[in-house]
Amino acid sequence: MECRASCGACCIAPSISSAIPGMPDGKPAGVRCVQLAEDFRCMIFNDPRRPLVCGGLKARTEMCGAEKGLAGREFALAYLDRLELATRPD
């Protein structure tokens, strides 16, 4: 599955604990990554400084909503928010 144009949910919803260029301490959940361009594309996609966790998160039908015809940025943000809450350390 390809990433949806103008989405960027993966660069907003999850927390990232590793350094990102421009965000040396990573980013909290719900905060837009500074490397997310205005067109919602990653500006460091092929850069070796891109966090490994970013490369490991791939577009999937259950995350993006395509399996139930609910595809959309809002669906992906809500899905990733629920995943973030479910996996948050105590």
N, C-alpha and C. Protein backbone atom coordinates (compact mmCIF):
# COMPACT_ATOMS: atom_id res chain seq x y z
N MET A 1 0.84 -1.18 0.00
CA MET A 1 0.00 0.00 0.00
C MET A 1 0.89 1.24 0.00
N GLU A 2 0.52 2.22 -0.78
CA GLU A 2 1.26 3.48 -0.87
C GLU A 2 0.72 4.46 0.18
N CYS A 3 1.57 5.36 0.63
CA CYS A 3 1.12 6.42 1.53
C CYS A 3 0.12 7.32 0.79
N ARG A 4 -0.87 7.79 1.53
CA ARG A 4 -1.88 8.67 0.97
C ARG A 4 -1.32 10.08 0.85
N ALA A 5 -1.51 10.71 -0.28
CA ALA A 5 -1.07 12.09 -0.47
C ALA A 5 -1.82 13.00 0.50
N SER A 6 -1.13 14.00 0.99
CA SER A 6 -1.71 15.00 1.89
C SER A 6 -2.24 14.42 3.18
N CYS A 7 -1.60 13.38 3.70
CA CYS A 7 -2.04 12.79 4.96
C CYS A 7 -1.12 13.22 6.10
N GLY A 8 0.06 12.64 6.19
CA GLY A 8 1.02 13.00 7.22
C GLY A 8 0.69 12.51 8.62
N ALA A 9 -0.33 11.67 8.77
CA ALA A 9 -0.72 11.19 10.10
C ALA A 9 0.43 10.51 10.82
N CYS A 10 1.25 9.76 10.10
CA CYS A 10 2.38 9.05 10.71
C CYS A 10 3.45 10.00 11.23
N CYS A 11 3.43 11.24 10.76
CA CYS A 11 4.41 12.23 11.18
C CYS A 11 3.85 13.19 12.22
N ILE A 12 2.64 12.93 12.66
CA ILE A 12 1.98 13.78 13.65
C ILE A 12 1.58 12.96 14.88
N ALA A 13 0.83 11.90 14.69
CA ALA A 13 0.22 11.18 15.81
C ALA A 13 1.21 10.48 16.75
N PRO A 14 2.16 9.69 16.25
CA PRO A 14 3.01 8.93 17.18
C PRO A 14 4.10 9.76 17.84
N SER A 15 4.47 9.32 19.03
CA SER A 15 5.65 9.89 19.68
C SER A 15 6.88 9.23 19.07
N ILE A 16 7.97 9.97 19.02
CA ILE A 16 9.24 9.45 18.51
C ILE A 16 10.30 9.81 19.54
N SER A 17 10.94 8.80 20.10
CA SER A 17 11.90 9.05 21.18
C SER A 17 13.32 9.30 20.66
N SER A 18 13.60 8.96 19.43
CA SER A 18 14.94 9.18 18.90
C SER A 18 15.04 10.57 18.27
N ALA A 19 16.28 11.03 18.11
CA ALA A 19 16.52 12.36 17.55
C ALA A 19 16.06 12.45 16.10
N ILE A 20 15.53 13.60 15.78
CA ILE A 20 15.12 13.95 14.42
C ILE A 20 15.85 15.25 14.11
N PRO A 21 16.38 15.43 12.91
CA PRO A 21 16.99 16.72 12.60
C PRO A 21 16.00 17.86 12.88
N GLY A 22 16.42 18.77 13.74
CA GLY A 22 15.55 19.88 14.14
C GLY A 22 14.76 19.59 15.40
N MET A 23 14.74 18.34 15.83
CA MET A 23 14.06 17.91 17.06
C MET A 23 14.98 16.93 17.77
N PRO A 24 16.05 17.39 18.41
CA PRO A 24 17.06 16.50 18.97
C PRO A 24 16.55 15.56 20.06
N ASP A 25 15.44 15.90 20.69
CA ASP A 25 14.88 15.03 21.73
C ASP A 25 13.70 14.21 21.23
N GLY A 26 13.53 14.14 19.93
CA GLY A 26 12.39 13.45 19.36
C GLY A 26 11.17 14.35 19.41
N LYS A 27 9.99 13.73 19.41
CA LYS A 27 8.76 14.51 19.45
C LYS A 27 7.68 13.78 20.23
N PRO A 28 6.84 14.53 20.93
CA PRO A 28 5.72 13.90 21.63
C PRO A 28 4.59 13.55 20.67
N ALA A 29 3.72 12.68 21.10
CA ALA A 29 2.55 12.30 20.31
C ALA A 29 1.69 13.53 20.04
N GLY A 30 1.16 13.60 18.84
CA GLY A 30 0.27 14.68 18.48
C GLY A 30 0.94 15.96 18.01
N VAL A 31 2.27 15.97 18.01
CA VAL A 31 3.03 17.14 17.57
C VAL A 31 3.55 16.87 16.16
N ARG A 32 3.35 17.82 15.30
CA ARG A 32 3.82 17.71 13.91
C ARG A 32 5.35 17.69 13.89
N CYS A 33 5.93 16.75 13.17
CA CYS A 33 7.38 16.69 12.99
C CYS A 33 7.83 17.90 12.18
N VAL A 34 8.96 18.48 12.57
CA VAL A 34 9.47 19.64 11.83
C VAL A 34 9.91 19.26 10.41
N GLN A 35 10.08 17.99 10.15
CA GLN A 35 10.49 17.53 8.83
C GLN A 35 9.31 17.20 7.92
N LEU A 36 8.10 17.46 8.39
CA LEU A 36 6.91 17.25 7.58
C LEU A 36 6.65 18.53 6.78
N ALA A 37 6.77 18.44 5.47
CA ALA A 37 6.61 19.61 4.60
C ALA A 37 5.14 20.04 4.53
N GLU A 38 4.92 21.21 3.99
CA GLU A 38 3.56 21.74 3.86
C GLU A 38 2.67 20.84 3.01
N ASP A 39 3.27 20.09 2.08
CA ASP A 39 2.49 19.16 1.25
C ASP A 39 2.37 17.79 1.91
N PHE A 40 2.72 17.70 3.19
CA PHE A 40 2.63 16.48 4.01
C PHE A 40 3.55 15.37 3.55
N ARG A 41 4.68 15.72 2.99
CA ARG A 41 5.71 14.73 2.63
C ARG A 41 6.90 14.93 3.55
N CYS A 42 7.58 13.82 3.83
CA CYS A 42 8.76 13.86 4.70
C CYS A 42 9.94 14.47 3.95
N MET A 43 10.52 15.50 4.55
CA MET A 43 11.65 16.17 3.90
C MET A 43 12.96 15.41 4.06
N ILE A 44 13.00 14.40 4.94
CA ILE A 44 14.23 13.62 5.13
C ILE A 44 13.99 12.14 4.81
N PHE A 45 13.05 11.86 3.93
CA PHE A 45 12.65 10.49 3.65
C PHE A 45 13.84 9.60 3.29
N ASN A 46 14.72 10.03 2.44
CA ASN A 46 15.87 9.21 2.03
C ASN A 46 17.16 9.60 2.75
N ASP A 47 17.04 10.34 3.81
CA ASP A 47 18.19 10.82 4.58
C ASP A 47 18.55 9.79 5.65
N PRO A 48 19.83 9.45 5.81
CA PRO A 48 20.21 8.47 6.84
C PRO A 48 19.93 8.96 8.27
N ARG A 49 19.67 10.24 8.45
CA ARG A 49 19.36 10.75 9.79
C ARG A 49 17.89 10.53 10.16
N ARG A 50 17.10 10.07 9.21
CA ARG A 50 15.69 9.78 9.49
C ARG A 50 15.62 8.65 10.52
N PRO A 51 14.83 8.82 11.58
CA PRO A 51 14.75 7.78 12.61
C PRO A 51 14.30 6.43 12.04
N LEU A 52 14.87 5.37 12.57
CA LEU A 52 14.52 4.02 12.12
C LEU A 52 13.04 3.73 12.30
N VAL A 53 12.47 4.24 13.38
CA VAL A 53 11.05 3.99 13.64
C VAL A 53 10.18 4.55 12.50
N CYS A 54 10.60 5.64 11.91
CA CYS A 54 9.84 6.23 10.81
C CYS A 54 9.85 5.30 9.59
N GLY A 55 11.00 4.73 9.30
CA GLY A 55 11.10 3.82 8.18
C GLY A 55 10.36 2.52 8.41
N GLY A 56 10.18 2.15 9.68
CA GLY A 56 9.50 0.90 10.01
C GLY A 56 7.98 1.00 9.97
N LEU A 57 7.46 2.21 10.03
CA LEU A 57 6.01 2.39 10.01
C LEU A 57 5.55 2.52 8.56
N LYS A 58 4.85 1.52 8.10
CA LYS A 58 4.40 1.48 6.70
C LYS A 58 2.89 1.66 6.63
N ALA A 59 2.42 2.24 5.55
CA ALA A 59 0.98 2.37 5.33
C ALA A 59 0.36 0.97 5.24
N ARG A 60 -0.71 0.76 6.01
CA ARG A 60 -1.41 -0.52 6.03
C ARG A 60 -2.91 -0.26 6.01
N THR A 61 -3.65 -1.16 5.43
CA THR A 61 -5.09 -0.93 5.29
C THR A 61 -5.78 -0.71 6.63
N GLU A 62 -5.40 -1.46 7.68
CA GLU A 62 -6.07 -1.27 8.96
C GLU A 62 -5.76 0.08 9.60
N MET A 63 -4.61 0.63 9.31
CA MET A 63 -4.23 1.93 9.86
C MET A 63 -4.85 3.06 9.04
N CYS A 64 -4.90 2.90 7.76
CA CYS A 64 -5.35 3.98 6.88
C CYS A 64 -6.85 3.91 6.57
N GLY A 65 -7.50 2.81 6.96
CA GLY A 65 -8.94 2.70 6.81
C GLY A 65 -9.44 2.21 5.48
N ALA A 66 -8.54 1.86 4.58
CA ALA A 66 -8.97 1.49 3.23
C ALA A 66 -9.82 0.22 3.20
N GLU A 67 -9.65 -0.66 4.18
CA GLU A 67 -10.39 -1.93 4.15
C GLU A 67 -11.88 -1.75 4.35
N LYS A 68 -12.32 -0.68 4.99
CA LYS A 68 -13.74 -0.48 5.26
C LYS A 68 -14.28 0.74 4.52
N GLY A 69 -13.52 1.23 3.57
CA GLY A 69 -13.97 2.40 2.83
C GLY A 69 -13.94 3.68 3.64
N LEU A 70 -13.19 3.67 4.75
CA LEU A 70 -13.13 4.83 5.63
C LEU A 70 -11.83 5.60 5.47
N ALA A 71 -11.18 5.41 4.34
CA ALA A 71 -9.87 6.02 4.14
C ALA A 71 -9.93 7.53 4.33
N GLY A 72 -8.95 8.03 5.01
CA GLY A 72 -8.86 9.46 5.22
C GLY A 72 -7.87 9.79 6.30
N ARG A 73 -7.39 11.00 6.26
CA ARG A 73 -6.41 11.48 7.22
C ARG A 73 -6.94 11.38 8.66
N GLU A 74 -8.19 11.76 8.86
CA GLU A 74 -8.78 11.73 10.20
C GLU A 74 -8.83 10.31 10.75
N PHE A 75 -9.16 9.34 9.90
CA PHE A 75 -9.19 7.94 10.32
C PHE A 75 -7.81 7.50 10.77
N ALA A 76 -6.79 7.82 9.96
CA ALA A 76 -5.41 7.42 10.28
C ALA A 76 -4.93 8.09 11.57
N LEU A 77 -5.25 9.37 11.76
CA LEU A 77 -4.86 10.06 13.00
C LEU A 77 -5.51 9.40 14.21
N ALA A 78 -6.79 9.09 14.11
CA ALA A 78 -7.51 8.45 15.23
C ALA A 78 -6.94 7.06 15.52
N TYR A 79 -6.65 6.29 14.48
CA TYR A 79 -6.08 4.96 14.65
C TYR A 79 -4.73 5.04 15.36
N LEU A 80 -3.87 5.93 14.88
CA LEU A 80 -2.54 6.07 15.47
C LEU A 80 -2.60 6.63 16.89
N ASP A 81 -3.56 7.50 17.17
CA ASP A 81 -3.75 8.00 18.53
C ASP A 81 -4.11 6.85 19.47
N ARG A 82 -5.01 5.97 19.03
CA ARG A 82 -5.40 4.80 19.86
C ARG A 82 -4.20 3.89 20.07
N LEU A 83 -3.42 3.65 19.03
CA LEU A 83 -2.23 2.81 19.14
C LEU A 83 -1.22 3.42 20.10
N GLU A 84 -1.03 4.72 20.01
CA GLU A 84 -0.12 5.43 20.90
C GLU A 84 -0.54 5.27 22.35
N LEU A 85 -1.82 5.43 22.65
CA LEU A 85 -2.33 5.27 24.01
C LEU A 85 -2.16 3.84 24.51
N ALA A 86 -2.42 2.88 23.63
CA ALA A 86 -2.34 1.47 24.02
C ALA A 86 -0.91 1.02 24.30
N THR A 87 0.06 1.68 23.71
CA THR A 87 1.46 1.24 23.86
C THR A 87 2.29 2.18 24.72
N ARG A 88 1.64 3.15 25.33
CA ARG A 88 2.36 4.10 26.18
C ARG A 88 2.87 3.40 27.44
N PRO A 89 4.15 3.62 27.78
CA PRO A 89 4.66 3.00 29.02
C PRO A 89 3.96 3.62 30.23
N ASP A 90 3.81 2.83 31.26
CA ASP A 90 3.15 3.34 32.50
C ASP A 90 3.95 4.40 33.18
